[in-house]
Amino acid sequence: MAMPEHRKTRLLIVEDDDALAELMEEYLSMHLFELFRISSGEEVVQTIQEKKPHVVLLDLMLPGLNGLDVCRQIRGTFSGAIMMLTASQSEADHV
């Protein structure tokens, strides 16, 4: 039985790697999330205001405005969960 759109958890994926983002979308769509995807940190604030996601999956290493800068920018107005993702091997980035 399909869940009504208004009851799905809205999830915003911020990922510049198209192949990785498509894999995440494919997997998460099977688990009843309403998904939105953007590839640039500069688009995050406007997209959050428009789509009102419950969760943001945020890539740390974005071109231009990186994930940490985006997180600092949105945290004052966005009270939902932010999950940082990174392919970085740096221990500091993992912490």
N, C-alpha and C. Protein backbone atom coordinates (compact mmCIF):
# COMPACT_ATOMS: atom_id res chain seq x y z
N MET A 1 0.84 -1.17 0.00
CA MET A 1 0.00 0.00 0.00
C MET A 1 0.89 1.24 0.00
N ALA A 2 0.66 2.14 -0.94
CA ALA A 2 1.47 3.36 -1.06
C ALA A 2 1.07 4.37 0.00
N MET A 3 2.07 5.08 0.51
CA MET A 3 1.83 6.11 1.52
C MET A 3 1.45 7.41 0.80
N PRO A 4 0.46 8.15 1.31
CA PRO A 4 0.09 9.43 0.69
C PRO A 4 1.29 10.37 0.68
N GLU A 5 1.42 11.18 -0.39
CA GLU A 5 2.55 12.09 -0.54
C GLU A 5 2.73 13.00 0.68
N HIS A 6 1.65 13.48 1.27
CA HIS A 6 1.76 14.43 2.38
C HIS A 6 2.28 13.78 3.66
N ARG A 7 2.36 12.46 3.70
CA ARG A 7 2.83 11.77 4.91
C ARG A 7 4.25 11.23 4.76
N LYS A 8 4.81 11.31 3.56
CA LYS A 8 6.16 10.82 3.33
C LYS A 8 7.18 11.77 3.98
N THR A 9 8.30 11.21 4.40
CA THR A 9 9.40 12.02 4.90
C THR A 9 10.07 12.67 3.70
N ARG A 10 10.16 14.00 3.72
CA ARG A 10 10.80 14.75 2.64
C ARG A 10 12.30 14.82 2.90
N LEU A 11 13.06 14.41 1.91
CA LEU A 11 14.50 14.31 2.05
C LEU A 11 15.17 15.06 0.90
N LEU A 12 16.05 15.99 1.25
CA LEU A 12 16.80 16.76 0.26
C LEU A 12 18.21 16.19 0.16
N ILE A 13 18.60 15.78 -1.05
CA ILE A 13 19.95 15.28 -1.30
C ILE A 13 20.74 16.41 -1.95
N VAL A 14 21.86 16.77 -1.33
CA VAL A 14 22.75 17.79 -1.90
C VAL A 14 24.05 17.07 -2.25
N GLU A 15 24.19 16.72 -3.52
CA GLU A 15 25.31 15.89 -3.97
C GLU A 15 25.67 16.28 -5.40
N ASP A 16 26.94 16.58 -5.65
CA ASP A 16 27.36 16.98 -6.99
C ASP A 16 27.79 15.81 -7.86
N ASP A 17 27.98 14.64 -7.30
CA ASP A 17 28.34 13.45 -8.07
C ASP A 17 27.05 12.79 -8.56
N ASP A 18 26.77 12.94 -9.86
CA ASP A 18 25.51 12.45 -10.41
C ASP A 18 25.30 10.95 -10.21
N ALA A 19 26.34 10.16 -10.42
CA ALA A 19 26.20 8.70 -10.29
C ALA A 19 25.85 8.32 -8.85
N LEU A 20 26.53 8.93 -7.88
CA LEU A 20 26.25 8.64 -6.48
C LEU A 20 24.85 9.12 -6.09
N ALA A 21 24.49 10.30 -6.54
CA ALA A 21 23.17 10.84 -6.22
C ALA A 21 22.07 9.96 -6.80
N GLU A 22 22.27 9.47 -8.01
CA GLU A 22 21.26 8.59 -8.62
C GLU A 22 21.12 7.28 -7.84
N LEU A 23 22.24 6.73 -7.36
CA LEU A 23 22.17 5.52 -6.54
C LEU A 23 21.40 5.78 -5.24
N MET A 24 21.68 6.91 -4.60
CA MET A 24 20.96 7.25 -3.37
C MET A 24 19.48 7.42 -3.64
N GLU A 25 19.15 8.11 -4.72
CA GLU A 25 17.75 8.32 -5.07
C GLU A 25 17.04 6.99 -5.35
N GLU A 26 17.71 6.13 -6.09
CA GLU A 26 17.11 4.83 -6.42
C GLU A 26 16.82 4.04 -5.14
N TYR A 27 17.79 3.98 -4.25
CA TYR A 27 17.61 3.22 -3.01
C TYR A 27 16.56 3.86 -2.11
N LEU A 28 16.67 5.15 -1.88
CA LEU A 28 15.77 5.82 -0.95
C LEU A 28 14.34 5.89 -1.45
N SER A 29 14.16 5.94 -2.76
CA SER A 29 12.80 5.99 -3.30
C SER A 29 12.04 4.69 -3.02
N MET A 30 12.77 3.59 -2.83
CA MET A 30 12.13 2.32 -2.50
C MET A 30 11.66 2.29 -1.04
N HIS A 31 12.08 3.27 -0.26
CA HIS A 31 11.74 3.30 1.16
C HIS A 31 10.82 4.45 1.52
N LEU A 32 10.00 4.83 0.57
CA LEU A 32 8.89 5.76 0.79
C LEU A 32 9.32 7.17 1.21
N PHE A 33 10.46 7.63 0.73
CA PHE A 33 10.85 9.01 0.94
C PHE A 33 10.38 9.84 -0.25
N GLU A 34 10.02 11.08 0.01
CA GLU A 34 9.79 12.04 -1.05
C GLU A 34 11.13 12.75 -1.25
N LEU A 35 11.73 12.60 -2.42
CA LEU A 35 13.10 13.05 -2.64
C LEU A 35 13.18 14.30 -3.49
N PHE A 36 14.14 15.14 -3.13
CA PHE A 36 14.50 16.30 -3.92
C PHE A 36 16.02 16.27 -4.02
N ARG A 37 16.56 16.69 -5.14
CA ARG A 37 18.01 16.63 -5.31
C ARG A 37 18.51 17.91 -5.95
N ILE A 38 19.60 18.42 -5.40
CA ILE A 38 20.31 19.54 -6.00
C ILE A 38 21.79 19.21 -5.95
N SER A 39 22.59 19.93 -6.74
CA SER A 39 24.01 19.59 -6.82
C SER A 39 24.92 20.72 -6.38
N SER A 40 24.34 21.79 -5.86
CA SER A 40 25.14 22.96 -5.51
C SER A 40 24.74 23.51 -4.14
N GLY A 41 25.73 23.89 -3.37
CA GLY A 41 25.47 24.47 -2.05
C GLY A 41 24.72 25.79 -2.14
N GLU A 42 24.92 26.50 -3.24
CA GLU A 42 24.26 27.80 -3.41
C GLU A 42 22.74 27.67 -3.52
N GLU A 43 22.24 26.49 -3.86
CA GLU A 43 20.80 26.28 -4.04
C GLU A 43 20.09 25.83 -2.77
N VAL A 44 20.83 25.51 -1.72
CA VAL A 44 20.25 24.85 -0.55
C VAL A 44 19.22 25.71 0.17
N VAL A 45 19.55 26.95 0.47
CA VAL A 45 18.63 27.79 1.26
C VAL A 45 17.29 27.93 0.56
N GLN A 46 17.31 28.27 -0.72
CA GLN A 46 16.06 28.45 -1.46
C GLN A 46 15.28 27.14 -1.53
N THR A 47 15.98 26.03 -1.77
CA THR A 47 15.30 24.73 -1.88
C THR A 47 14.67 24.33 -0.55
N ILE A 48 15.35 24.59 0.55
CA ILE A 48 14.78 24.28 1.87
C ILE A 48 13.51 25.10 2.09
N GLN A 49 13.55 26.36 1.72
CA GLN A 49 12.36 27.22 1.89
C GLN A 49 11.20 26.73 1.03
N GLU A 50 11.50 26.27 -0.18
CA GLU A 50 10.45 25.84 -1.10
C GLU A 50 9.91 24.44 -0.78
N LYS A 51 10.81 23.50 -0.50
CA LYS A 51 10.42 22.09 -0.37
C LYS A 51 10.17 21.65 1.08
N LYS A 52 10.70 22.40 2.03
CA LYS A 52 10.52 22.11 3.45
C LYS A 52 10.84 20.64 3.79
N PRO A 53 12.09 20.23 3.54
CA PRO A 53 12.45 18.84 3.83
C PRO A 53 12.53 18.58 5.33
N HIS A 54 12.37 17.33 5.70
CA HIS A 54 12.57 16.93 7.10
C HIS A 54 14.04 16.63 7.36
N VAL A 55 14.73 16.14 6.32
CA VAL A 55 16.13 15.72 6.43
C VAL A 55 16.91 16.24 5.23
N VAL A 56 18.15 16.69 5.48
CA VAL A 56 19.06 17.09 4.40
C VAL A 56 20.26 16.15 4.44
N LEU A 57 20.51 15.45 3.32
CA LEU A 57 21.74 14.67 3.15
C LEU A 57 22.71 15.58 2.42
N LEU A 58 23.76 16.00 3.09
CA LEU A 58 24.62 17.07 2.61
C LEU A 58 26.03 16.58 2.38
N ASP A 59 26.48 16.66 1.13
CA ASP A 59 27.84 16.28 0.78
C ASP A 59 28.80 17.33 1.36
N LEU A 60 29.86 16.88 1.97
CA LEU A 60 30.85 17.78 2.55
C LEU A 60 31.65 18.50 1.47
N MET A 61 32.00 17.79 0.41
CA MET A 61 32.89 18.35 -0.61
C MET A 61 32.10 18.78 -1.85
N LEU A 62 31.42 19.90 -1.75
CA LEU A 62 30.68 20.46 -2.88
C LEU A 62 31.54 21.53 -3.55
N PRO A 63 31.34 21.73 -4.85
CA PRO A 63 32.06 22.83 -5.49
C PRO A 63 31.48 24.17 -5.02
N GLY A 64 32.32 25.18 -4.96
CA GLY A 64 31.85 26.49 -4.51
C GLY A 64 31.65 26.49 -3.01
N LEU A 65 30.42 26.58 -2.57
CA LEU A 65 30.06 26.59 -1.16
C LEU A 65 30.09 25.15 -0.63
N ASN A 66 31.06 24.81 0.24
CA ASN A 66 31.17 23.42 0.70
C ASN A 66 30.11 23.08 1.75
N GLY A 67 30.02 21.82 2.09
CA GLY A 67 28.99 21.34 2.99
C GLY A 67 29.02 21.97 4.37
N LEU A 68 30.21 22.22 4.91
CA LEU A 68 30.29 22.88 6.23
C LEU A 68 29.75 24.30 6.17
N ASP A 69 30.09 25.03 5.10
CA ASP A 69 29.57 26.39 4.94
C ASP A 69 28.05 26.37 4.80
N VAL A 70 27.55 25.42 4.03
CA VAL A 70 26.10 25.29 3.85
C VAL A 70 25.44 25.00 5.18
N CYS A 71 26.01 24.07 5.95
CA CYS A 71 25.45 23.71 7.25
C CYS A 71 25.39 24.93 8.18
N ARG A 72 26.46 25.70 8.22
CA ARG A 72 26.47 26.92 9.04
C ARG A 72 25.39 27.90 8.58
N GLN A 73 25.22 27.99 7.28
CA GLN A 73 24.27 28.94 6.71
C GLN A 73 22.82 28.56 7.03
N ILE A 74 22.50 27.27 7.00
CA ILE A 74 21.10 26.87 7.17
C ILE A 74 20.72 26.56 8.61
N ARG A 75 21.68 26.27 9.46
CA ARG A 75 21.35 25.79 10.81
C ARG A 75 20.51 26.78 11.59
N GLY A 76 20.67 28.06 11.38
CA GLY A 76 19.89 29.05 12.12
C GLY A 76 18.41 29.03 11.80
N THR A 77 18.04 28.58 10.62
CA THR A 77 16.64 28.60 10.21
C THR A 77 16.05 27.22 9.93
N PHE A 78 16.89 26.21 9.81
CA PHE A 78 16.42 24.86 9.50
C PHE A 78 16.58 24.00 10.74
N SER A 79 15.46 23.48 11.25
CA SER A 79 15.53 22.69 12.49
C SER A 79 15.50 21.18 12.23
N GLY A 80 15.44 20.79 10.96
CA GLY A 80 15.43 19.37 10.64
C GLY A 80 16.81 18.74 10.79
N ALA A 81 16.88 17.46 10.51
CA ALA A 81 18.14 16.73 10.62
C ALA A 81 19.03 17.02 9.41
N ILE A 82 20.32 17.14 9.68
CA ILE A 82 21.32 17.30 8.62
C ILE A 82 22.31 16.15 8.78
N MET A 83 22.43 15.35 7.73
CA MET A 83 23.38 14.25 7.74
C MET A 83 24.47 14.58 6.73
N MET A 84 25.70 14.69 7.22
CA MET A 84 26.84 15.02 6.36
C MET A 84 27.40 13.74 5.76
N LEU A 85 27.68 13.78 4.47
CA LEU A 85 28.28 12.66 3.75
C LEU A 85 29.61 13.11 3.18
N THR A 86 30.61 12.24 3.19
CA THR A 86 31.89 12.60 2.60
C THR A 86 32.63 11.37 2.09
N ALA A 87 33.36 11.59 1.02
CA ALA A 87 34.27 10.57 0.50
C ALA A 87 35.69 10.89 0.96
N SER A 88 35.84 11.96 1.72
CA SER A 88 37.16 12.37 2.20
C SER A 88 37.76 11.30 3.10
N GLN A 89 39.05 11.16 3.03
CA GLN A 89 39.76 10.22 3.88
C GLN A 89 40.30 10.90 5.13
N SER A 90 40.08 12.20 5.25
CA SER A 90 40.61 12.96 6.38
C SER A 90 39.84 12.62 7.67
N GLU A 91 40.58 12.27 8.70
CA GLU A 91 39.96 11.98 10.00
C GLU A 91 39.22 13.20 10.52
N ALA A 92 39.79 14.39 10.31
CA ALA A 92 39.14 15.63 10.76
C ALA A 92 37.78 15.80 10.10
N ASP A 93 37.66 15.47 8.82
CA ASP A 93 36.38 15.56 8.14
C ASP A 93 35.38 14.57 8.70
N HIS A 94 35.83 13.39 9.09
CA HIS A 94 34.94 12.39 9.64
C HIS A 94 34.41 12.80 11.01
N VAL A 95 35.23 13.46 11.79
CA VAL A 95 34.81 13.91 13.12
C VAL A 95 33.82 15.05 12.95
